[in-house]
Amino acid sequence: MYDAVIIGGGPGGYVSAIRIAQLGGKVALVEKDNLGGTCLNRGCIPTKSLVAAAEKLMAVLKAEEFGIEVGKPVINFSAIQVKKAEVVETLVKGIDFLMRKNKIDLIKGKAMIKDSALVQVNTGSDIRELACTNIIIATGSSPAMIKALGYNGSTIITSEEALMLKEVPESLIIIGAGVIGCEFAHIYGTLGSKITMVESAPSILPLLDKDLSKRLQMMLKKKNVSIKTKVMIQSMQETAEGVVARLESGETLSAQKALISIGRSLNTQELGLEDLGVALGAKGEIIVSDQMKTNVPGVYAIGDVVNKYQLAHVASAQGIIAAENIMGQETVMDYTAVPSCIFTHPELASVGITEQMAKEKEMPITVGKFNFMANGKALSMGEPEGLVKIIAHRESDVVLGVHIIGPHASDMIGEATLAVKKSMTAKDLAATIHAHPTLTEAIMEAAENVHGLSIHG
């Protein structure tokens, strides 16, 4: 009898398995594919490896600005893909080691929930039945599809195929200018593809703070990325040369390949949820409490399937909460400070509310900004583009949100996340001595600017 059977070995599932084991529980983890889920195998990690290759190319192209003369760089895309695969393999092996270290039973196969105390697993060679007192559903999500877009896996592809291409496409239409679309625009645009982005919203990254999305849109256009907003695709067809997209306006676009990046669909099918009576929301998401409990006693859900935030680090946090509740510790999820990062050039990172959200809620706020062009480290690096923006409550001075576009924004957001989490004030950030010269001084200066006291702003 297991204390828990976890379905899905992604960043939510494997983390919850480890925490249950750490707390003395007996746990089984069921995974039909490789450990690590979408994030490690088909998402966060492989894209970051390709981003790193693009960044290395950009560094070589800018080397002459720093007095270093190099020849014309040659892109060996197959070697880039080998490096990416090596990184993924290393991390998958690392998780497999953690399973053995924590004495977690890893079962490869497809799971079906028979009731709240029994999970059936089809391993391909036999059917195993796992008796348990708790179940955690952590099955993640898959690329969303629209029939009219004509997905075929070769010329009309999703992010999964985009990660596995054998060569850099000469031209690429990207449908959807969200996080995934923008990251692939950066990757393949830098490596030499002619990029056209099509977005139905008025701007790229429509959920982001507008100061950041506008700046990135401007920077992408400077890099000859064509961006079409307020536009809908009517249909796409494969041609001898690649693909043709027809817009609702009547305009046609042609390219060697088209990438569909319009969001993700929740993997809640074929699990037996309907028969079990698990409550689902309007989008098919599993409804959970702040302890990650479903309406069925003993059944928990975490990660993308609950559709709160489709972020690996949120899935991991939810996994820990579910695990601790299963093992008798009454802990709850706190979404006050959830950071998100976008790995374009420059990077973007955000935590807390945006200026637009604050205005919609009629919250009294003060905004502080600081541009990286006045930051010594950014200038020394040759990366002066971008800014830090802080949203503070006008009356309490509490930091409500921090938004960054600039070099290493993803590394800088940690300080801002702690500030939002602990309800620190802008004065707290401003009064904290920051090392010089560092990029994080921009956070201090933006905090000072909340009160009009930035030294270099």
Protein backbone atom coordinates (compact mmCIF):
# COMPACT_ATOMS: atom_id res chain seq x y z
CA MET A 1 0.00 0.00 0.00
CA TYR A 2 1.45 3.32 -1.11
CA ASP A 3 0.94 6.57 0.78
CA ALA A 4 0.69 8.15 -2.68
CA VAL A 5 0.71 7.23 -6.34
CA ILE A 6 1.75 10.15 -8.52
CA ILE A 7 0.75 10.22 -12.18
CA GLY A 8 3.28 12.24 -14.18
CA GLY A 9 7.03 12.66 -13.65
CA GLY A 10 7.43 16.31 -14.58
CA PRO A 11 8.61 19.13 -12.30
CA GLY A 12 5.43 18.81 -10.24
CA GLY A 13 5.25 15.04 -10.02
CA TYR A 14 8.85 14.13 -9.30
CA VAL A 15 9.26 16.94 -6.75
CA SER A 16 6.15 15.84 -4.85
CA ALA A 17 7.41 12.24 -4.91
CA ILE A 18 10.72 13.25 -3.38
CA ARG A 19 9.07 15.35 -0.68
CA ILE A 20 6.73 12.51 0.32
CA ALA A 21 9.73 10.16 0.52
CA GLN A 22 11.69 12.71 2.56
CA LEU A 23 8.82 12.84 5.04
CA GLY A 24 8.83 9.07 5.43
CA GLY A 25 6.13 8.08 2.96
CA LYS A 26 6.03 5.19 0.51
CA VAL A 27 5.45 6.52 -2.99
CA ALA A 28 5.16 5.31 -6.58
CA LEU A 29 5.67 7.57 -9.59
CA VAL A 30 4.03 6.60 -12.89
CA GLU A 31 5.50 8.12 -16.07
CA LYS A 32 4.81 7.01 -19.64
CA ASP A 33 7.75 8.94 -21.13
CA ASN A 34 11.05 10.32 -19.85
CA LEU A 35 11.32 11.81 -16.37
CA GLY A 36 11.23 15.60 -16.28
CA GLY A 37 8.06 16.12 -18.28
CA THR A 38 7.60 18.78 -20.93
CA CYS A 39 9.86 21.24 -19.12
CA LEU A 40 12.96 19.09 -19.25
CA ASN A 41 12.38 17.13 -22.44
CA ARG A 42 10.35 19.40 -24.74
CA GLY A 43 10.24 22.85 -23.14
CA CYS A 44 12.21 24.95 -20.67
CA ILE A 45 15.57 23.19 -20.78
CA PRO A 46 16.02 22.38 -24.49
CA THR A 47 14.85 25.86 -25.47
CA LYS A 48 17.35 27.38 -23.04
CA SER A 49 20.10 25.34 -24.68
CA LEU A 50 19.11 26.74 -28.09
CA VAL A 51 18.86 30.23 -26.57
CA ALA A 52 22.40 29.80 -25.24
CA ALA A 53 23.63 28.93 -28.74
CA ALA A 54 21.94 32.04 -30.13
CA GLU A 55 23.51 34.16 -27.38
CA LYS A 56 26.98 32.74 -28.15
CA LEU A 57 26.52 33.69 -31.79
CA MET A 58 25.49 37.22 -30.82
CA ALA A 59 28.57 37.51 -28.60
CA VAL A 60 30.84 36.50 -31.48
CA LEU A 61 29.17 39.00 -33.82
CA LYS A 62 29.70 41.77 -31.23
CA ALA A 63 33.27 40.76 -30.34
CA GLU A 64 34.82 43.42 -32.56
CA GLU A 65 33.17 46.12 -30.43
CA PHE A 66 35.39 44.92 -27.59
CA GLY A 67 38.58 44.85 -29.66
CA ILE A 68 38.47 41.14 -30.46
CA GLU A 69 38.74 40.25 -34.14
CA VAL A 70 37.25 36.95 -35.25
CA GLY A 71 36.32 35.48 -38.59
CA LYS A 72 32.80 35.03 -39.86
CA PRO A 73 31.08 32.51 -37.57
CA VAL A 74 29.82 29.25 -39.05
CA ILE A 75 26.64 27.75 -37.61
CA ASN A 76 26.79 23.96 -37.17
CA PHE A 77 23.16 23.36 -36.26
CA SER A 78 23.56 19.60 -35.87
CA ALA A 79 26.23 20.23 -33.22
CA ILE A 80 23.89 22.69 -31.49
CA GLN A 81 21.26 19.96 -31.37
CA VAL A 82 23.77 17.43 -30.01
CA LYS A 83 24.69 19.83 -27.21
CA LYS A 84 21.00 20.33 -26.40
CA ALA A 85 20.42 16.58 -26.25
CA GLU A 86 23.42 16.12 -23.94
CA VAL A 87 22.06 18.70 -21.50
CA VAL A 88 18.63 17.06 -21.45
CA GLU A 89 20.10 13.56 -21.03
CA THR A 90 22.28 14.68 -18.11
CA LEU A 91 19.32 16.19 -16.27
CA VAL A 92 17.02 13.21 -16.95
CA LYS A 93 19.68 10.90 -15.52
CA GLY A 94 19.92 13.22 -12.52
CA ILE A 95 16.21 12.84 -11.76
CA ASP A 96 16.43 9.08 -12.23
CA PHE A 97 19.23 9.05 -9.65
CA LEU A 98 17.04 11.05 -7.24
CA MET A 99 14.29 8.46 -7.64
CA ARG A 100 16.67 5.68 -6.60
CA LYS A 101 18.26 7.76 -3.83
CA ASN A 102 14.86 8.44 -2.27
CA LYS A 103 13.64 4.83 -2.78
CA ILE A 104 10.75 5.90 -5.00
CA ASP A 105 9.16 3.18 -7.13
CA LEU A 106 9.30 4.40 -10.74
CA ILE A 107 6.80 2.64 -12.97
CA LYS A 108 6.86 3.26 -16.72
CA GLY A 109 3.45 3.11 -18.34
CA LYS A 110 0.05 4.72 -18.88
CA ALA A 111 -2.03 5.26 -15.75
CA MET A 112 -5.78 4.97 -15.29
CA ILE A 113 -7.47 5.88 -12.01
CA LYS A 114 -9.93 3.11 -11.11
CA ASP A 115 -11.00 4.67 -7.82
CA SER A 116 -9.54 6.99 -5.18
CA ALA A 117 -7.44 4.15 -3.75
CA LEU A 118 -6.39 2.29 -6.90
CA VAL A 119 -4.35 3.22 -9.97
CA GLN A 120 -4.02 0.80 -12.88
CA VAL A 121 -0.88 1.03 -15.03
CA ASN A 122 -0.49 -0.39 -18.53
CA THR A 123 3.25 -0.96 -18.86
CA GLY A 124 2.98 -2.31 -22.39
CA SER A 125 3.78 -5.82 -21.25
CA ASP A 126 1.31 -6.17 -18.39
CA ILE A 127 -1.27 -4.40 -16.23
CA ARG A 128 -0.21 -3.41 -12.73
CA GLU A 129 -2.55 -2.32 -9.98
CA LEU A 130 -1.24 0.10 -7.36
CA ALA A 131 -3.18 0.37 -4.11
CA CYS A 132 -2.77 3.69 -2.34
CA THR A 133 -4.28 6.09 0.16
CA ASN A 134 -3.69 9.19 -2.01
CA ILE A 135 -3.31 10.05 -5.69
CA ILE A 136 -1.61 13.11 -7.21
CA ILE A 137 -2.50 13.99 -10.80
CA ALA A 138 0.44 15.76 -12.46
CA THR A 139 -0.05 14.98 -16.14
CA GLY A 140 0.81 18.42 -17.53
CA SER A 141 -0.20 19.84 -20.90
CA SER A 142 0.43 19.56 -24.65
CA PRO A 143 0.64 22.10 -27.49
CA ALA A 144 -2.82 23.45 -28.36
CA MET A 145 -4.18 22.81 -31.85
CA ILE A 146 -6.75 24.40 -34.14
CA LYS A 147 -7.87 22.23 -37.06
CA ALA A 148 -7.81 25.13 -39.53
CA LEU A 149 -4.08 25.58 -38.96
CA GLY A 150 -3.38 22.24 -40.63
CA TYR A 151 -0.74 20.82 -38.31
CA ASN A 152 1.28 18.08 -40.04
CA GLY A 153 4.45 17.83 -37.96
CA SER A 154 6.78 18.65 -40.86
CA THR A 155 6.11 22.06 -42.39
CA ILE A 156 3.37 23.12 -39.96
CA ILE A 157 4.77 22.35 -36.53
CA THR A 158 4.51 22.95 -32.80
CA SER A 159 7.21 23.81 -30.28
CA GLU A 160 8.01 20.11 -29.93
CA GLU A 161 9.05 19.75 -33.58
CA ALA A 162 10.69 23.19 -33.53
CA LEU A 163 13.12 21.84 -30.95
CA MET A 164 14.04 18.86 -33.14
CA LEU A 165 14.65 20.49 -36.53
CA LYS A 166 17.61 19.19 -38.52
CA GLU A 167 18.44 22.61 -39.95
CA VAL A 168 17.63 26.27 -39.43
CA PRO A 169 14.62 27.13 -41.62
CA GLU A 170 15.18 29.88 -44.17
CA SER A 171 11.87 31.44 -43.16
CA LEU A 172 9.40 30.83 -40.36
CA ILE A 173 5.86 32.05 -39.67
CA ILE A 174 5.11 32.02 -35.95
CA ILE A 175 1.42 31.96 -35.05
CA GLY A 176 1.05 33.41 -31.57
CA ALA A 177 3.37 35.97 -29.99
CA GLY A 178 3.28 34.73 -26.42
CA VAL A 179 6.22 33.39 -24.45
CA ILE A 180 6.87 30.36 -26.67
CA GLY A 181 6.49 32.32 -29.90
CA CYS A 182 8.81 35.11 -28.78
CA GLU A 183 11.51 32.72 -27.58
CA PHE A 184 11.53 30.84 -30.89
CA ALA A 185 11.55 34.15 -32.78
CA HIS A 186 14.72 35.02 -30.86
CA ILE A 187 16.32 31.60 -31.37
CA TYR A 188 15.70 31.10 -35.06
CA GLY A 189 15.82 34.79 -35.95
CA THR A 190 19.32 35.02 -34.44
CA LEU A 191 20.41 31.83 -36.21
CA GLY A 192 19.35 33.24 -39.57
CA SER A 193 15.65 32.59 -40.22
CA LYS A 194 13.43 35.29 -41.66
CA ILE A 195 10.70 35.55 -39.02
CA THR A 196 7.09 36.69 -39.37
CA MET A 197 4.99 36.73 -36.20
CA VAL A 198 1.19 36.76 -36.30
CA GLU A 199 -0.73 37.70 -33.15
CA SER A 200 -4.47 38.28 -32.69
CA ALA A 201 -3.97 40.62 -29.70
CA PRO A 202 -2.98 44.31 -30.09
CA SER A 203 0.63 43.56 -29.07
CA ILE A 204 3.04 40.73 -28.48
CA LEU A 205 3.08 39.23 -24.97
CA PRO A 206 -0.37 40.72 -24.26
CA LEU A 207 -0.41 39.64 -20.59
CA LEU A 208 2.88 41.36 -19.78
CA ASP A 209 3.37 44.89 -18.46
CA LYS A 210 2.96 47.12 -21.50
CA ASP A 211 6.27 48.94 -20.99
CA LEU A 212 8.07 45.61 -21.39
CA SER A 213 6.06 44.20 -24.30
CA LYS A 214 6.34 47.47 -26.26
CA ARG A 215 10.10 47.56 -25.76
CA LEU A 216 10.59 43.96 -26.85
CA GLN A 217 8.37 44.48 -29.88
CA MET A 218 10.47 47.48 -30.88
CA MET A 219 13.72 45.52 -30.38
CA LEU A 220 12.47 42.55 -32.42
CA LYS A 221 11.51 44.86 -35.27
CA LYS A 222 15.03 46.34 -35.19
CA LYS A 223 16.27 42.79 -35.80
CA ASN A 224 14.07 42.56 -38.92
CA VAL A 225 11.39 40.41 -37.30
CA SER A 226 8.09 41.19 -39.02
CA ILE A 227 5.28 41.47 -36.46
CA LYS A 228 1.61 41.52 -37.44
CA THR A 229 -0.79 42.21 -34.56
CA LYS A 230 -4.61 42.28 -34.46
CA VAL A 231 -4.50 39.61 -37.15
CA MET A 232 -6.12 36.17 -37.36
CA ILE A 233 -5.02 33.21 -39.46
CA GLN A 234 -7.86 31.86 -41.58
CA SER A 235 -6.08 28.77 -42.88
CA MET A 236 -2.71 27.25 -43.66
CA GLN A 237 -1.69 24.87 -46.41
CA GLU A 238 1.43 22.92 -47.21
CA THR A 239 3.01 23.76 -50.56
CA ALA A 240 5.96 22.47 -52.57
CA GLU A 241 8.06 25.32 -51.17
CA GLY A 242 6.81 25.06 -47.59
CA VAL A 243 3.62 26.62 -46.30
CA VAL A 244 1.16 29.40 -47.17
CA ALA A 245 -0.89 31.13 -44.48
CA ARG A 246 -4.03 33.03 -45.37
CA LEU A 247 -5.06 35.83 -43.05
CA GLU A 248 -8.65 36.91 -42.46
CA SER A 249 -7.73 40.22 -44.11
CA GLY A 250 -7.07 38.34 -47.35
CA GLU A 251 -3.29 38.73 -47.16
CA THR A 252 -1.15 35.64 -47.69
CA LEU A 253 2.19 34.80 -46.08
CA SER A 254 4.62 32.16 -47.28
CA ALA A 255 7.54 30.52 -45.51
CA GLN A 256 9.51 27.30 -45.37
CA LYS A 257 7.82 26.37 -42.09
CA ALA A 258 5.09 27.61 -39.75
CA LEU A 259 5.17 27.25 -35.97
CA ILE A 260 1.89 27.03 -34.04
CA SER A 261 2.36 28.57 -30.58
CA ILE A 262 -1.16 29.43 -29.46
CA GLY A 263 -1.03 28.00 -25.97
CA ARG A 264 -1.33 24.57 -24.39
CA SER A 265 -4.10 22.02 -23.83
CA LEU A 266 -4.48 20.29 -20.47
CA ASN A 267 -3.73 16.57 -20.27
CA THR A 268 -6.83 15.48 -18.35
CA GLN A 269 -8.20 12.97 -20.86
CA GLU A 270 -8.19 9.16 -20.48
CA LEU A 271 -7.40 9.23 -16.77
CA GLY A 272 -10.80 8.16 -15.49
CA LEU A 273 -11.60 11.56 -13.96
CA GLU A 274 -15.23 11.54 -15.10
CA ASP A 275 -15.97 8.16 -13.56
CA LEU A 276 -14.17 9.22 -10.38
CA GLY A 277 -16.28 12.40 -10.18
CA VAL A 278 -13.40 14.88 -10.15
CA ALA A 279 -14.74 18.42 -10.67
CA LEU A 280 -13.48 20.22 -13.76
CA GLY A 281 -13.64 23.89 -14.72
CA ALA A 282 -14.84 25.52 -17.93
CA LYS A 283 -11.49 24.95 -19.68
CA GLY A 284 -11.17 21.37 -18.50
CA GLU A 285 -8.90 22.28 -15.62
CA ILE A 286 -9.04 20.27 -12.40
CA ILE A 287 -10.53 22.39 -9.62
CA VAL A 288 -8.43 22.29 -6.45
CA SER A 289 -8.25 23.95 -3.03
CA ASP A 290 -5.24 25.90 -1.79
CA GLN A 291 -3.99 22.57 -0.41
CA MET A 292 -4.14 21.14 -3.97
CA LYS A 293 -7.06 18.86 -3.01
CA THR A 294 -9.77 18.01 -5.53
CA ASN A 295 -13.39 17.48 -4.51
CA VAL A 296 -12.67 13.72 -4.24
CA PRO A 297 -11.07 12.82 -0.88
CA GLY A 298 -7.51 11.57 -1.27
CA VAL A 299 -7.12 12.89 -4.82
CA TYR A 300 -4.84 15.87 -5.47
CA ALA A 301 -3.88 17.72 -8.66
CA ILE A 302 -0.88 19.94 -9.42
CA GLY A 303 0.81 21.73 -12.31
CA ASP A 304 -0.65 22.61 -15.69
CA VAL A 305 -3.79 20.48 -15.18
CA VAL A 306 -5.05 22.94 -12.54
CA ASN A 307 -4.33 25.80 -14.98
CA LYS A 308 -3.39 28.37 -12.35
CA TYR A 309 0.02 29.18 -13.81
CA GLN A 310 1.57 27.04 -16.52
CA LEU A 311 5.06 27.35 -15.05
CA ALA A 312 7.41 24.55 -14.00
CA HIS A 313 8.38 26.27 -10.75
CA VAL A 314 4.73 26.70 -9.79
CA ALA A 315 4.13 23.00 -10.45
CA SER A 316 7.05 22.16 -8.15
CA ALA A 317 5.71 24.44 -5.41
CA GLN A 318 2.24 22.92 -5.74
CA GLY A 319 3.81 19.46 -5.62
CA ILE A 320 5.46 20.23 -2.30
CA ILE A 321 2.18 21.54 -0.87
CA ALA A 322 0.31 18.41 -1.98
CA ALA A 323 3.04 16.17 -0.57
CA GLU A 324 3.10 17.92 2.78
CA ASN A 325 -0.68 17.73 3.14
CA ILE A 326 -0.62 14.03 2.31
CA MET A 327 1.97 13.53 5.04
CA GLY A 328 -0.09 15.38 7.63
CA GLN A 329 1.35 18.89 7.40
CA GLU A 330 -1.38 21.42 6.70
CA THR A 331 0.28 23.83 4.31
CA VAL A 332 -1.33 26.01 1.63
CA MET A 333 -0.28 27.49 -1.71
CA ASP A 334 0.55 31.18 -1.75
CA TYR A 335 0.48 32.83 -5.18
CA THR A 336 1.42 36.30 -3.90
CA ALA A 337 4.81 36.26 -5.60
CA VAL A 338 5.10 34.10 -8.71
CA PRO A 339 7.99 35.09 -10.98
CA SER A 340 7.93 34.48 -14.71
CA CYS A 341 10.78 34.81 -17.19
CA ILE A 342 11.03 35.08 -20.97
CA PHE A 343 14.35 34.18 -22.57
CA THR A 344 14.57 36.55 -25.50
CA HIS A 345 17.27 39.16 -26.07
CA PRO A 346 17.12 41.03 -23.87
CA GLU A 347 15.48 38.84 -21.25
CA LEU A 348 12.21 39.73 -19.55
CA ALA A 349 11.15 38.89 -16.00
CA SER A 350 8.13 39.84 -13.96
CA VAL A 351 6.59 39.29 -10.54
CA GLY A 352 3.44 40.69 -8.93
CA ILE A 353 0.90 42.99 -10.52
CA THR A 354 1.41 45.16 -13.59
CA GLU A 355 0.64 48.87 -13.76
CA GLN A 356 -2.41 48.07 -15.92
CA MET A 357 -3.74 45.56 -13.37
CA ALA A 358 -3.35 48.09 -10.56
CA LYS A 359 -5.25 50.74 -12.53
CA GLU A 360 -8.05 48.31 -13.37
CA LYS A 361 -8.41 47.59 -9.65
CA GLU A 362 -8.23 51.35 -8.91
CA MET A 363 -5.31 50.82 -6.55
CA PRO A 364 -3.32 53.91 -5.53
CA ILE A 365 0.18 53.28 -6.87
CA THR A 366 3.48 54.99 -7.56
CA VAL A 367 5.77 53.77 -10.32
CA GLY A 368 9.55 53.88 -10.26
CA LYS A 369 11.69 53.21 -13.34
CA PHE A 370 15.39 52.96 -14.09
CA ASN A 371 16.98 52.43 -17.50
CA PHE A 372 19.94 50.10 -17.92
CA MET A 373 21.67 52.68 -20.12
CA ALA A 374 22.59 54.44 -16.86
CA ASN A 375 23.92 51.25 -15.24
CA GLY A 376 27.71 50.83 -15.31
CA LYS A 377 27.71 47.03 -15.50
CA ALA A 378 25.18 46.97 -18.36
CA LEU A 379 27.23 49.49 -20.34
CA SER A 380 30.44 47.55 -19.65
CA MET A 381 28.76 44.42 -21.01
CA GLY A 382 27.53 46.25 -24.10
CA GLU A 383 23.93 45.55 -23.04
CA PRO A 384 22.39 48.98 -22.29
CA GLU A 385 18.86 48.23 -23.54
CA GLY A 386 16.01 47.82 -21.08
CA LEU A 387 14.68 48.98 -17.74
CA VAL A 388 13.51 48.00 -14.27
CA LYS A 389 9.99 49.08 -13.30
CA ILE A 390 8.62 48.91 -9.76
CA ILE A 391 4.95 49.24 -8.81
CA ALA A 392 4.51 50.35 -5.18
CA HIS A 393 1.39 51.12 -3.15
CA ARG A 394 1.17 54.90 -2.84
CA GLU A 395 0.11 54.84 0.80
CA SER A 396 1.98 51.88 2.32
CA ASP A 397 4.98 51.93 -0.09
CA VAL A 398 4.73 48.12 -0.28
CA VAL A 399 6.20 46.69 -3.49
CA LEU A 400 3.33 45.18 -5.48
CA GLY A 401 5.13 44.30 -8.70
CA VAL A 402 8.52 44.41 -10.39
CA HIS A 403 9.05 44.14 -14.14
CA ILE A 404 12.43 43.90 -15.86
CA ILE A 405 13.59 43.89 -19.46
CA GLY A 406 17.34 43.77 -19.82
CA PRO A 407 20.47 41.66 -19.43
CA HIS A 408 20.10 38.75 -16.99
CA ALA A 409 16.57 39.81 -16.04
CA SER A 410 15.82 36.18 -15.14
CA ASP A 411 18.63 36.20 -12.57
CA MET A 412 17.59 39.57 -11.14
CA ILE A 413 13.95 38.69 -10.50
CA GLY A 414 14.81 36.65 -7.39
CA GLU A 415 15.40 39.75 -5.27
CA ALA A 416 12.18 41.28 -6.55
CA THR A 417 10.21 38.10 -5.83
CA LEU A 418 11.40 38.08 -2.23
CA ALA A 419 10.44 41.75 -1.91
CA VAL A 420 6.88 41.07 -3.13
CA LYS A 421 6.60 37.87 -1.07
CA LYS A 422 7.65 39.58 2.19
CA SER A 423 5.69 42.82 1.54
CA MET A 424 8.88 44.87 1.55
CA THR A 425 8.64 48.57 0.76
CA ALA A 426 10.34 50.51 -1.99
CA LYS A 427 12.29 52.25 0.77
CA ASP A 428 13.49 48.83 2.00
CA LEU A 429 14.91 48.06 -1.43
CA ALA A 430 16.38 51.54 -1.83
CA ALA A 431 18.05 51.39 1.59
CA THR A 432 19.66 48.00 0.89
CA ILE A 433 23.29 48.46 -0.16
CA HIS A 434 23.82 46.81 -3.55
CA ALA A 435 27.29 45.82 -4.77
CA HIS A 436 28.84 48.01 -7.46
CA PRO A 437 29.09 47.58 -10.36
CA THR A 438 26.20 45.13 -10.72
CA LEU A 439 23.02 44.91 -12.74
CA THR A 440 20.97 44.64 -9.54
CA GLU A 441 21.81 48.25 -8.74
CA ALA A 442 19.06 49.00 -11.28
CA ILE A 443 16.53 47.55 -8.82
CA MET A 444 17.82 49.84 -6.08
CA GLU A 445 17.69 52.85 -8.41
CA ALA A 446 14.14 52.03 -9.57
CA ALA A 447 13.10 51.74 -5.91
CA GLU A 448 14.65 55.15 -5.23
CA ASN A 449 12.83 56.51 -8.27
CA VAL A 450 9.49 55.53 -6.68
CA HIS A 451 10.10 58.57 -4.46
CA GLY A 452 11.89 60.64 -7.11
CA LEU A 453 15.28 60.08 -5.48
CA SER A 454 17.20 57.97 -8.01
CA ILE A 455 20.82 59.13 -8.08
CA HIS A 456 21.58 58.14 -11.67
CA GLY A 457 18.06 58.22 -13.11
